[in-house]
Amino acid sequence: MILLTLILILLAGALLSWAAARVNPALCRWISLCSLLVNFGIVLGIWMGHSGLNALQQGVWWYEYRAGWVPHFGISLHLALDGLSLLMLVLTFFLGALSVLISWREIRTRIGFYHFNLLFVLAGITGVFLTLDLFLFYFFWEMMLIPMYFLIGIWGHEHREYAANKFFIFTQAGGLLMLLAILGLYFVHGANTNVYTFDYNELLQTPMSAAVAHWLMLGFLIAFLVKLPAVPFHTWLPDAHTEAPTAGSVILAGLLLKTGAYGILRFVLPLFPNAAAAFAPWAMLLGVLGILYGGMLAYAQTDLKRLVAYTSVSHMGFVLLGAFAFNEIAYQGVIMQMIAHGVSTGALFMISGALYERLHTRNLQRMGGLWQIMPVMGTATMIFVMASLGLPGLGNFIAEFLILLGSWQASHWLTVLATTGLVVATAYSLRIMQKVFFGHNERQYALPDLSRRELLILVSLILVILWLGVYPQAVLKMSRNPVPPGITAASFSFRSLNP
């Protein structure tokens, strides 16, 4: 029941926060924070309890919960936790708690409804990372959509309605394609086995032709590429990030994008191994295009949040590159990239939100020379900028190094092209520091440095990104087995993409 409890705590906290706002607006903030901290403590306890076990002792699933829901149609409440799910949940509750803290002063209207939506979207994300029933997975996938739409559309900036509508249309269209693929897999499995079920473990063994597997795989993959996002499905992301409140941007970059990567690792590769391997050269090419195109667009931006948003397109390109390299090194790099990107990019969005509160602008042309008056913020920004460009000693370096090492075994020339993306990352990362904190302060700003609340948030993120860079073994051990449950090693045998 512990897995179901994680979701129920968030849903209960969401309802209590909404109700408590009528009594005291400050109370709903504390309810939200406590709900997330309780869940964070639970998953940390699970991590500590399994850290000393080897893969055989841990088994396939560490925790599993199953209850009938609509048994006539083969639908069940089936939740399970393994190392990959655990890492994603730790990231979810950690960034969720920081999102509540970063919203403490920023959100001043409809506070109860804001925290209701914040916890509700985190409950949907938690369900995505836990469910093993494909119908339930789609339910949680859509459950993330509505509260995020409200977070952008109500508490966003000037063009929030346009950004919220664009986000909704893109993700809903991708979700509908995935629903069709789920139903197709359901009926194909039923026609071949006479058992109609949405259970993940059962569907892993579905017999089907190569053509059917190819089309069903594309239905899943497109939905996950839209959420990742990969070029050319990325255009909703910069608008959503730019107009969203700070916490909305943190959840978008740190968590919602990771559901797309998680879907590829958990569903696309295990359910359709041969179709995914056949599509791998094109998927890796899309990843490289995302790395280079996203990086170049990031360098060209004058809006700070939009710049950071395009860096996510570039970093998620590494995830796509590594996911389809089909080897353990790349797989572990992908998981490390998901975590390190969530921490570093989430921090950059928090810093851009703090700058906007002080300057009331995100235009890089109106900044400059801020290091002299805000040296603590400048130091924190420097650390996360260095993480973004892949400086050794920080988590992003470990992630990108492992991905490139693994992708080299699959395709030399795509790896070389992806490596040039690190040069582009250096250019846009240093541009942030040069435009915001260095140069001449023409407007003679007199601004406060980080408050104690902001300092607590950024110091915790700095410690995590340093820990990932100095001691990545804790994360790598949790993601040691690259073969998803139910698939034999032979299904994931390395396939060279080199000519």
Protein backbone atom coordinates (compact mmCIF):
# COMPACT_ATOMS: atom_id res chain seq x y z
CA MET A 1 0.00 0.00 0.00
CA ILE A 2 2.99 2.31 0.33
CA LEU A 3 2.90 3.10 -3.41
CA LEU A 4 -0.78 4.01 -3.36
CA THR A 5 -0.16 6.04 -0.21
CA LEU A 6 2.34 8.26 -2.04
CA ILE A 7 -0.38 9.29 -4.48
CA LEU A 8 -3.12 9.61 -1.88
CA ILE A 9 -0.99 11.90 0.32
CA LEU A 10 -0.62 14.34 -2.57
CA LEU A 11 -4.32 14.22 -3.48
CA ALA A 12 -5.34 14.72 0.14
CA GLY A 13 -2.86 17.55 0.50
CA ALA A 14 -4.24 19.19 -2.65
CA LEU A 15 -7.81 19.16 -1.31
CA LEU A 16 -6.75 20.32 2.16
CA SER A 17 -4.69 23.17 0.70
CA TRP A 18 -7.62 24.40 -1.34
CA ALA A 19 -9.94 24.23 1.67
CA ALA A 20 -7.43 25.76 4.11
CA ALA A 21 -6.96 28.85 1.97
CA ARG A 22 -10.35 30.10 3.12
CA VAL A 23 -9.15 30.03 6.73
CA ASN A 24 -5.55 31.19 6.32
CA PRO A 25 -3.64 31.55 3.03
CA ALA A 26 -0.35 30.71 4.77
CA LEU A 27 -1.78 27.40 5.99
CA CYS A 28 -2.17 25.98 2.47
CA ARG A 29 1.52 26.60 1.80
CA TRP A 30 2.51 24.60 4.87
CA ILE A 31 0.13 21.77 3.98
CA SER A 32 1.63 21.52 0.50
CA LEU A 33 5.18 21.61 1.82
CA CYS A 34 4.51 19.01 4.51
CA SER A 35 2.78 16.66 2.06
CA LEU A 36 5.79 16.70 -0.24
CA LEU A 37 8.32 16.41 2.57
CA VAL A 38 6.50 13.35 3.97
CA ASN A 39 6.63 11.66 0.56
CA PHE A 40 10.25 12.71 0.14
CA GLY A 41 11.08 11.10 3.48
CA ILE A 42 9.28 7.89 2.48
CA VAL A 43 11.17 7.45 -0.79
CA LEU A 44 14.49 8.34 0.86
CA GLY A 45 13.79 5.63 3.42
CA ILE A 46 13.15 3.15 0.61
CA TRP A 47 16.40 4.20 -1.07
CA MET A 48 18.39 3.76 2.14
CA GLY A 49 16.79 0.37 2.72
CA HIS A 50 17.82 -0.92 -0.71
CA SER A 51 21.20 0.79 -1.10
CA GLY A 52 23.10 -2.15 0.37
CA LEU A 53 21.39 -4.82 -1.73
CA ASN A 54 22.65 -6.20 -5.03
CA ALA A 55 20.45 -6.60 -8.09
CA LEU A 56 19.52 -10.21 -7.30
CA GLN A 57 18.50 -9.36 -3.74
CA GLN A 58 16.42 -6.41 -4.91
CA GLY A 59 14.52 -8.43 -7.51
CA VAL A 60 12.63 -7.04 -10.49
CA TRP A 61 10.16 -4.93 -8.51
CA TRP A 62 10.96 -3.71 -5.00
CA TYR A 63 7.34 -2.98 -4.16
CA GLU A 64 4.22 -3.99 -6.04
CA TYR A 65 0.53 -3.32 -5.44
CA ARG A 66 -2.34 -4.75 -7.45
CA ALA A 67 -6.10 -4.39 -7.02
CA GLY A 68 -8.97 -4.97 -9.41
CA TRP A 69 -10.49 -1.88 -10.99
CA VAL A 70 -12.48 -2.89 -14.08
CA PRO A 71 -11.60 -6.60 -14.37
CA HIS A 72 -14.14 -7.19 -17.15
CA PHE A 73 -11.91 -5.13 -19.48
CA GLY A 74 -8.61 -6.24 -17.99
CA ILE A 75 -8.00 -2.95 -16.16
CA SER A 76 -6.35 -3.06 -12.73
CA LEU A 77 -4.84 -0.71 -10.20
CA HIS A 78 -1.32 -2.03 -10.70
CA LEU A 79 1.57 -0.05 -9.22
CA ALA A 80 5.21 -1.09 -8.91
CA LEU A 81 8.54 0.43 -7.91
CA ASP A 82 12.07 -0.35 -9.06
CA GLY A 83 15.32 1.62 -9.10
CA LEU A 84 14.34 3.79 -12.08
CA SER A 85 10.96 4.66 -10.58
CA LEU A 86 12.54 5.40 -7.21
CA LEU A 87 15.05 7.86 -8.68
CA MET A 88 12.28 9.67 -10.53
CA LEU A 89 10.15 9.87 -7.38
CA VAL A 90 13.03 11.27 -5.33
CA LEU A 91 13.49 13.96 -7.98
CA THR A 92 9.72 14.61 -8.08
CA PHE A 93 9.25 15.20 -4.37
CA PHE A 94 12.53 17.11 -3.98
CA LEU A 95 11.76 19.59 -6.77
CA GLY A 96 8.11 19.67 -5.71
CA ALA A 97 9.02 20.82 -2.20
CA LEU A 98 11.37 23.47 -3.60
CA SER A 99 8.61 24.62 -5.97
CA VAL A 100 6.37 25.29 -2.99
CA LEU A 101 9.14 27.27 -1.30
CA ILE A 102 9.93 29.31 -4.42
CA SER A 103 6.21 30.20 -4.71
CA TRP A 104 6.00 31.36 -1.09
CA ARG A 105 6.09 35.07 -1.98
CA GLU A 106 5.55 34.99 -5.73
CA ILE A 107 1.95 33.71 -5.72
CA ARG A 108 -0.43 36.19 -4.07
CA THR A 109 -3.78 35.45 -5.75
CA ARG A 110 -5.98 32.33 -5.47
CA ILE A 111 -3.29 30.71 -3.34
CA GLY A 112 -5.37 27.70 -2.34
CA PHE A 113 -6.32 26.80 -5.90
CA TYR A 114 -2.68 27.29 -6.94
CA HIS A 115 -1.42 24.74 -4.42
CA PHE A 116 -4.27 22.40 -5.31
CA ASN A 117 -3.08 22.38 -8.93
CA LEU A 118 0.57 22.12 -7.91
CA LEU A 119 0.00 19.00 -5.82
CA PHE A 120 -2.46 17.55 -8.32
CA VAL A 121 0.05 17.68 -11.18
CA LEU A 122 2.69 16.12 -8.91
CA ALA A 123 0.23 13.33 -8.06
CA GLY A 124 -0.20 12.69 -11.78
CA ILE A 125 3.57 12.58 -12.28
CA THR A 126 3.91 10.18 -9.36
CA GLY A 127 1.28 7.91 -10.92
CA VAL A 128 3.10 7.93 -14.27
CA PHE A 129 6.31 6.78 -12.59
CA LEU A 130 4.57 3.98 -10.68
CA THR A 131 1.83 2.45 -12.82
CA LEU A 132 2.13 -0.86 -14.68
CA ASP A 133 -1.35 -0.86 -16.19
CA LEU A 134 -1.41 0.92 -19.55
CA PHE A 135 -4.95 2.21 -19.11
CA LEU A 136 -4.01 3.60 -15.70
CA PHE A 137 -0.83 5.02 -17.21
CA TYR A 138 -2.88 6.95 -19.76
CA PHE A 139 -5.18 8.12 -16.95
CA PHE A 140 -2.25 9.60 -15.00
CA TRP A 141 -0.70 10.95 -18.23
CA GLU A 142 -3.82 13.00 -18.89
CA MET A 143 -4.15 13.85 -15.20
CA MET A 144 -0.94 15.91 -15.46
CA LEU A 145 -2.35 18.01 -18.28
CA ILE A 146 -5.24 19.96 -16.74
CA PRO A 147 -3.53 21.31 -13.57
CA MET A 148 -0.47 22.37 -15.57
CA TYR A 149 -2.80 24.15 -18.01
CA PHE A 150 -4.27 26.09 -15.07
CA LEU A 151 -0.85 26.86 -13.58
CA ILE A 152 0.24 28.47 -16.84
CA GLY A 153 -3.09 30.03 -17.81
CA ILE A 154 -3.98 31.61 -14.45
CA TRP A 155 -0.67 32.49 -12.79
CA GLY A 156 1.47 32.97 -15.90
CA HIS A 157 2.75 36.16 -17.49
CA GLU A 158 1.45 38.41 -20.27
CA HIS A 159 0.79 35.81 -23.00
CA ARG A 160 -0.17 33.01 -20.61
CA GLU A 161 -3.43 32.03 -22.35
CA TYR A 162 -1.71 31.50 -25.70
CA ALA A 163 1.09 29.46 -24.07
CA ALA A 164 -1.37 27.36 -22.04
CA ASN A 165 -3.52 26.60 -25.09
CA LYS A 166 -0.48 25.65 -27.16
CA PHE A 167 0.80 23.38 -24.40
CA PHE A 168 -2.62 21.73 -24.09
CA ILE A 169 -3.06 21.14 -27.83
CA PHE A 170 0.41 19.66 -28.38
CA THR A 171 0.37 17.33 -25.39
CA GLN A 172 -3.26 16.32 -25.85
CA ALA A 173 -2.65 15.43 -29.51
CA GLY A 174 0.33 13.29 -28.52
CA GLY A 175 -1.69 11.67 -25.75
CA LEU A 176 -4.47 10.71 -28.16
CA LEU A 177 -1.96 8.99 -30.44
CA MET A 178 -0.70 7.04 -27.44
CA LEU A 179 -4.26 6.07 -26.50
CA LEU A 180 -4.81 4.66 -29.99
CA ALA A 181 -1.55 2.72 -29.70
CA ILE A 182 -2.56 1.37 -26.27
CA LEU A 183 -5.91 0.22 -27.63
CA GLY A 184 -4.22 -1.29 -30.68
CA LEU A 185 -1.81 -3.23 -28.45
CA TYR A 186 -4.75 -4.32 -26.26
CA PHE A 187 -6.69 -5.76 -29.20
CA VAL A 188 -3.63 -7.30 -30.90
CA HIS A 189 -2.73 -9.08 -27.67
CA GLY A 190 -6.31 -10.23 -27.20
CA ALA A 191 -6.61 -11.51 -30.76
CA ASN A 192 -3.42 -13.55 -30.45
CA THR A 193 -3.76 -14.86 -26.88
CA ASN A 194 -7.52 -14.59 -26.24
CA VAL A 195 -6.66 -12.59 -23.09
CA TYR A 196 -7.68 -8.93 -23.14
CA THR A 197 -5.61 -7.00 -20.63
CA PHE A 198 -3.81 -3.69 -20.12
CA ASP A 199 -1.25 -5.26 -17.76
CA TYR A 200 2.32 -4.30 -18.62
CA ASN A 201 3.87 -7.68 -17.79
CA GLU A 202 1.35 -9.50 -19.97
CA LEU A 203 1.69 -7.12 -22.92
CA LEU A 204 5.49 -7.52 -22.93
CA GLN A 205 5.00 -10.95 -24.49
CA THR A 206 2.52 -9.87 -27.18
CA PRO A 207 3.12 -11.67 -30.51
CA MET A 208 2.74 -9.33 -33.48
CA SER A 209 4.09 -8.73 -36.96
CA ALA A 210 6.93 -6.32 -37.60
CA ALA A 211 4.62 -3.86 -39.40
CA VAL A 212 2.10 -3.79 -36.55
CA ALA A 213 4.88 -3.37 -33.98
CA HIS A 214 6.32 -0.48 -36.00
CA TRP A 215 3.06 1.49 -36.10
CA LEU A 216 2.17 0.83 -32.48
CA MET A 217 5.68 1.83 -31.42
CA LEU A 218 5.35 5.12 -33.32
CA GLY A 219 2.08 5.87 -31.52
CA PHE A 220 3.81 5.61 -28.15
CA LEU A 221 7.02 7.26 -29.30
CA ILE A 222 5.43 10.39 -30.80
CA ALA A 223 3.56 11.06 -27.56
CA PHE A 224 6.80 10.78 -25.59
CA LEU A 225 8.76 12.86 -28.12
CA VAL A 226 6.21 15.67 -27.79
CA LYS A 227 6.58 15.65 -24.01
CA LEU A 228 10.38 15.25 -24.09
CA PRO A 229 10.37 17.43 -26.32
CA ALA A 230 12.30 16.48 -29.44
CA VAL A 231 12.71 18.52 -32.60
CA PRO A 232 10.35 19.18 -34.45
CA PHE A 233 7.75 18.71 -31.65
CA HIS A 234 9.42 21.23 -29.34
CA THR A 235 7.73 24.50 -30.24
CA TRP A 236 5.28 24.47 -27.32
CA LEU A 237 8.06 24.36 -24.73
CA PRO A 238 9.66 27.86 -25.01
CA ASP A 239 6.26 29.57 -24.88
CA ALA A 240 5.10 27.48 -21.92
CA HIS A 241 8.32 28.11 -20.00
CA THR A 242 8.38 31.82 -20.75
CA GLU A 243 4.83 32.46 -19.59
CA ALA A 244 4.61 29.98 -16.69
CA PRO A 245 5.20 31.03 -13.07
CA THR A 246 8.56 30.04 -11.66
CA ALA A 247 7.30 26.84 -10.02
CA GLY A 248 5.49 25.91 -13.24
CA SER A 249 8.74 26.23 -15.19
CA VAL A 250 10.58 24.13 -12.60
CA ILE A 251 7.99 21.35 -12.78
CA LEU A 252 7.88 21.52 -16.58
CA ALA A 253 11.66 21.30 -17.01
CA GLY A 254 12.48 19.13 -14.04
CA LEU A 255 9.60 16.64 -14.09
CA LEU A 256 7.13 16.78 -16.99
CA LEU A 257 9.87 16.44 -19.61
CA LYS A 258 11.19 13.44 -17.69
CA THR A 259 7.87 11.63 -18.09
CA GLY A 260 8.58 11.56 -21.84
CA ALA A 261 12.04 10.10 -21.28
CA TYR A 262 10.66 7.64 -18.74
CA GLY A 263 8.00 6.53 -21.21
CA ILE A 264 10.66 5.71 -23.80
CA LEU A 265 12.70 3.69 -21.30
CA ARG A 266 9.77 1.92 -19.66
CA PHE A 267 7.35 1.35 -22.55
CA VAL A 268 8.78 1.94 -26.04
CA LEU A 269 11.96 -0.09 -25.69
CA PRO A 270 10.57 -3.06 -23.71
CA LEU A 271 7.25 -3.41 -25.55
CA PHE A 272 8.69 -3.03 -29.07
CA PRO A 273 12.41 -3.94 -28.91
CA ASN A 274 12.81 -4.90 -32.57
CA ALA A 275 10.79 -1.97 -33.92
CA ALA A 276 12.70 0.41 -31.62
CA ALA A 277 16.04 -1.00 -32.77
CA ALA A 278 15.02 -0.56 -36.41
CA PHE A 279 14.03 3.06 -35.72
CA ALA A 280 17.13 3.75 -33.59
CA PRO A 281 19.22 5.55 -36.28
CA TRP A 282 16.42 8.04 -36.89
CA ALA A 283 15.78 8.53 -33.19
CA MET A 284 19.45 9.17 -32.51
CA LEU A 285 19.53 11.62 -35.45
CA LEU A 286 16.57 13.49 -33.92
CA GLY A 287 18.50 13.60 -30.66
CA VAL A 288 21.54 15.14 -32.33
CA LEU A 289 19.36 17.67 -34.16
CA GLY A 290 17.83 18.63 -30.82
CA ILE A 291 21.26 19.06 -29.23
CA LEU A 292 22.55 21.38 -31.95
CA TYR A 293 19.34 23.20 -32.91
CA GLY A 294 18.25 23.76 -29.32
CA GLY A 295 21.69 25.03 -28.38
CA MET A 296 21.88 27.49 -31.27
CA LEU A 297 18.39 28.84 -30.58
CA ALA A 298 19.30 29.21 -26.90
CA TYR A 299 22.30 31.36 -27.82
CA ALA A 300 20.11 33.61 -29.98
CA GLN A 301 17.56 34.45 -27.26
CA THR A 302 17.31 37.78 -25.46
CA ASP A 303 14.69 36.58 -22.93
CA LEU A 304 16.39 34.78 -20.03
CA LYS A 305 13.63 32.22 -19.41
CA ARG A 306 13.32 31.51 -23.12
CA LEU A 307 17.08 30.95 -23.30
CA VAL A 308 16.95 28.44 -20.44
CA ALA A 309 13.93 26.77 -22.07
CA TYR A 310 15.84 26.10 -25.29
CA THR A 311 18.70 24.62 -23.27
CA SER A 312 16.19 21.94 -22.19
CA VAL A 313 15.60 21.04 -25.83
CA SER A 314 19.35 20.61 -26.22
CA HIS A 315 19.82 18.57 -23.05
CA MET A 316 16.88 16.31 -23.81
CA GLY A 317 18.51 15.59 -27.16
CA PHE A 318 21.22 13.77 -25.20
CA VAL A 319 18.50 11.68 -23.53
CA LEU A 320 17.09 10.64 -26.90
CA LEU A 321 20.57 9.90 -28.25
CA GLY A 322 21.45 7.66 -25.32
CA ALA A 323 18.09 5.89 -25.02
CA PHE A 324 18.40 4.43 -28.52
CA ALA A 325 22.08 3.50 -28.26
CA PHE A 326 21.07 0.13 -26.71
CA ASN A 327 23.85 -0.37 -24.18
CA GLU A 328 24.21 -0.12 -20.42
CA ILE A 329 26.59 2.84 -20.35
CA ALA A 330 24.28 5.04 -22.40
CA TYR A 331 21.25 3.92 -20.40
CA GLN A 332 22.84 4.94 -17.11
CA GLY A 333 23.90 8.23 -18.67
CA VAL A 334 20.31 8.89 -19.70
CA ILE A 335 19.05 8.40 -16.14
CA MET A 336 21.80 10.60 -14.76
CA GLN A 337 20.97 13.26 -17.35
CA MET A 338 17.30 13.18 -16.35
CA ILE A 339 18.23 13.88 -12.73
CA ALA A 340 21.08 16.34 -13.32
CA HIS A 341 19.08 18.32 -15.86
CA GLY A 342 16.13 18.53 -13.47
CA VAL A 343 18.38 19.96 -10.76
CA SER A 344 20.50 22.36 -12.84
CA THR A 345 17.81 23.69 -15.17
CA GLY A 346 15.29 23.88 -12.35
CA ALA A 347 17.79 26.03 -10.46
CA LEU A 348 18.31 28.32 -13.47
CA PHE A 349 14.55 28.86 -13.73
CA MET A 350 14.42 29.68 -10.03
CA ILE A 351 17.22 32.21 -10.48
CA SER A 352 15.49 33.78 -13.49
CA GLY A 353 12.31 34.03 -11.40
CA ALA A 354 14.23 35.73 -8.58
CA LEU A 355 15.76 38.17 -11.07
CA TYR A 356 12.33 38.95 -12.52
CA GLU A 357 10.96 39.72 -9.04
CA ARG A 358 13.75 42.25 -8.57
CA LEU A 359 14.12 43.73 -12.09
CA HIS A 360 10.60 43.16 -13.50
CA THR A 361 12.18 42.18 -16.79
CA ARG A 362 13.73 39.09 -18.37
CA ASN A 363 15.41 41.00 -21.19
CA LEU A 364 19.15 40.28 -21.20
CA GLN A 365 19.81 43.63 -22.86
CA ARG A 366 18.54 45.43 -19.74
CA MET A 367 20.78 43.51 -17.36
CA GLY A 368 24.49 43.58 -16.69
CA GLY A 369 26.91 44.23 -13.87
CA LEU A 370 24.74 42.49 -11.28
CA TRP A 371 27.64 40.55 -9.73
CA GLN A 372 28.77 43.65 -7.83
CA ILE A 373 25.41 44.08 -6.08
CA MET A 374 24.33 40.40 -5.90
CA PRO A 375 27.52 38.33 -5.53
CA VAL A 376 25.82 35.38 -3.79
CA MET A 377 23.26 35.00 -6.58
CA GLY A 378 26.05 35.42 -9.11
CA THR A 379 28.06 32.63 -7.50
CA ALA A 380 25.06 30.28 -7.47
CA THR A 381 24.28 31.09 -11.09
CA MET A 382 27.89 30.44 -12.08
CA ILE A 383 27.73 26.95 -10.55
CA PHE A 384 24.57 25.98 -12.43
CA VAL A 385 25.76 27.57 -15.65
CA MET A 386 28.94 25.51 -15.39
CA ALA A 387 26.79 22.43 -14.75
CA SER A 388 24.73 23.20 -17.83
CA LEU A 389 27.79 23.28 -20.08
CA GLY A 390 29.09 20.02 -18.59
CA LEU A 391 31.96 21.08 -16.33
CA PRO A 392 33.75 18.09 -14.70
CA GLY A 393 32.86 17.68 -11.04
CA LEU A 394 29.18 18.41 -11.61
CA GLY A 395 26.36 15.98 -12.37
CA ASN A 396 25.74 16.98 -15.98
CA PHE A 397 29.31 16.08 -16.93
CA ILE A 398 28.88 12.50 -15.70
CA ALA A 399 25.59 12.20 -17.59
CA GLU A 400 26.79 13.55 -20.92
CA PHE A 401 30.09 11.69 -20.74
CA LEU A 402 28.31 8.36 -20.21
CA ILE A 403 25.81 9.08 -23.00
CA LEU A 404 28.53 9.98 -25.49
CA LEU A 405 30.61 6.97 -24.42
CA GLY A 406 27.64 4.70 -24.99
CA SER A 407 26.49 6.30 -28.23
CA TRP A 408 30.03 5.97 -29.65
CA GLN A 409 29.51 2.20 -29.60
CA ALA A 410 26.39 2.69 -31.74
CA SER A 411 27.34 5.47 -34.15
CA HIS A 412 30.66 7.28 -34.42
CA TRP A 413 29.56 10.15 -36.63
CA LEU A 414 26.40 10.94 -34.66
CA THR A 415 28.47 10.98 -31.47
CA VAL A 416 30.95 13.41 -33.03
CA LEU A 417 28.10 15.72 -34.04
CA ALA A 418 26.58 15.48 -30.56
CA THR A 419 29.93 16.35 -29.00
CA THR A 420 30.00 19.63 -30.91
CA GLY A 421 26.84 20.47 -28.98
CA LEU A 422 29.03 20.84 -25.90
CA VAL A 423 30.77 23.75 -27.63
CA VAL A 424 27.40 25.37 -28.32
CA ALA A 425 26.44 24.77 -24.67
CA THR A 426 29.59 26.58 -23.58
CA ALA A 427 28.64 29.56 -25.73
CA TYR A 428 25.08 29.98 -24.45
CA SER A 429 26.05 29.24 -20.84
CA LEU A 430 28.79 31.84 -20.76
CA ARG A 431 26.45 34.29 -22.48
CA ILE A 432 24.11 34.08 -19.48
CA MET A 433 26.90 35.10 -17.12
CA GLN A 434 28.24 37.80 -19.42
CA LYS A 435 24.87 39.43 -20.08
CA VAL A 436 23.42 39.19 -16.57
CA PHE A 437 26.26 39.48 -14.08
CA PHE A 438 29.27 40.92 -15.90
CA GLY A 439 29.69 44.06 -17.95
CA HIS A 440 28.59 47.55 -16.97
CA ASN A 441 25.57 48.27 -14.77
CA GLU A 442 24.17 51.14 -16.83
CA ARG A 443 20.94 51.48 -14.84
CA GLN A 444 22.68 51.51 -11.46
CA TYR A 445 20.40 48.89 -9.94
CA ALA A 446 20.25 48.73 -6.14
CA LEU A 447 18.86 45.26 -5.50
CA PRO A 448 18.83 42.85 -2.55
CA ASP A 449 20.84 39.66 -2.80
CA LEU A 450 19.34 36.23 -2.09
CA SER A 451 16.97 36.00 0.85
CA ARG A 452 17.36 33.23 3.41
CA ARG A 453 14.54 31.25 1.76
CA GLU A 454 16.12 31.58 -1.69
CA LEU A 455 19.54 30.76 -0.27
CA LEU A 456 18.18 27.58 1.34
CA ILE A 457 16.69 26.48 -1.97
CA LEU A 458 19.78 27.14 -4.08
CA VAL A 459 22.24 25.72 -1.56
CA SER A 460 20.27 22.45 -1.46
CA LEU A 461 20.38 22.28 -5.26
CA ILE A 462 24.11 23.08 -5.30
CA LEU A 463 24.81 20.27 -2.84
CA VAL A 464 22.85 17.81 -4.98
CA ILE A 465 24.53 18.76 -8.27
CA LEU A 466 27.95 18.53 -6.58
CA TRP A 467 27.06 15.16 -5.03
CA LEU A 468 25.99 13.83 -8.43
CA GLY A 469 29.27 14.97 -9.95
CA VAL A 470 31.58 13.77 -7.18
CA TYR A 471 29.81 10.55 -6.14
CA PRO A 472 27.52 9.37 -8.97
CA GLN A 473 27.79 5.75 -7.83
CA ALA A 474 24.68 6.02 -5.65
CA VAL A 475 22.54 6.87 -8.69
CA LEU A 476 24.36 4.51 -11.05
CA LYS A 477 23.81 1.60 -8.67
CA MET A 478 20.07 2.23 -8.67
CA SER A 479 20.06 2.16 -12.50
CA ARG A 480 22.54 -0.68 -12.89
CA ASN A 481 20.38 -3.08 -14.89
CA PRO A 482 19.74 -1.59 -18.35
CA VAL A 483 17.34 -4.36 -19.40
CA PRO A 484 13.76 -3.44 -18.41
CA PRO A 485 11.83 -6.16 -16.57
CA GLY A 486 10.34 -8.89 -18.73
CA ILE A 487 12.76 -8.51 -21.64
CA THR A 488 15.62 -10.91 -22.22
CA ALA A 489 19.12 -9.61 -22.72
CA ALA A 490 19.06 -11.00 -26.26
CA SER A 491 16.22 -8.63 -27.16
CA PHE A 492 18.49 -5.73 -26.25
CA SER A 493 21.64 -7.05 -27.82
CA PHE A 494 23.78 -4.28 -29.22
CA ARG A 495 23.05 -3.39 -32.82
CA SER A 496 25.75 -1.36 -34.53
CA LEU A 497 24.49 1.67 -36.39
CA ASN A 498 27.82 2.36 -38.04
CA PRO A 499 28.07 1.73 -41.79
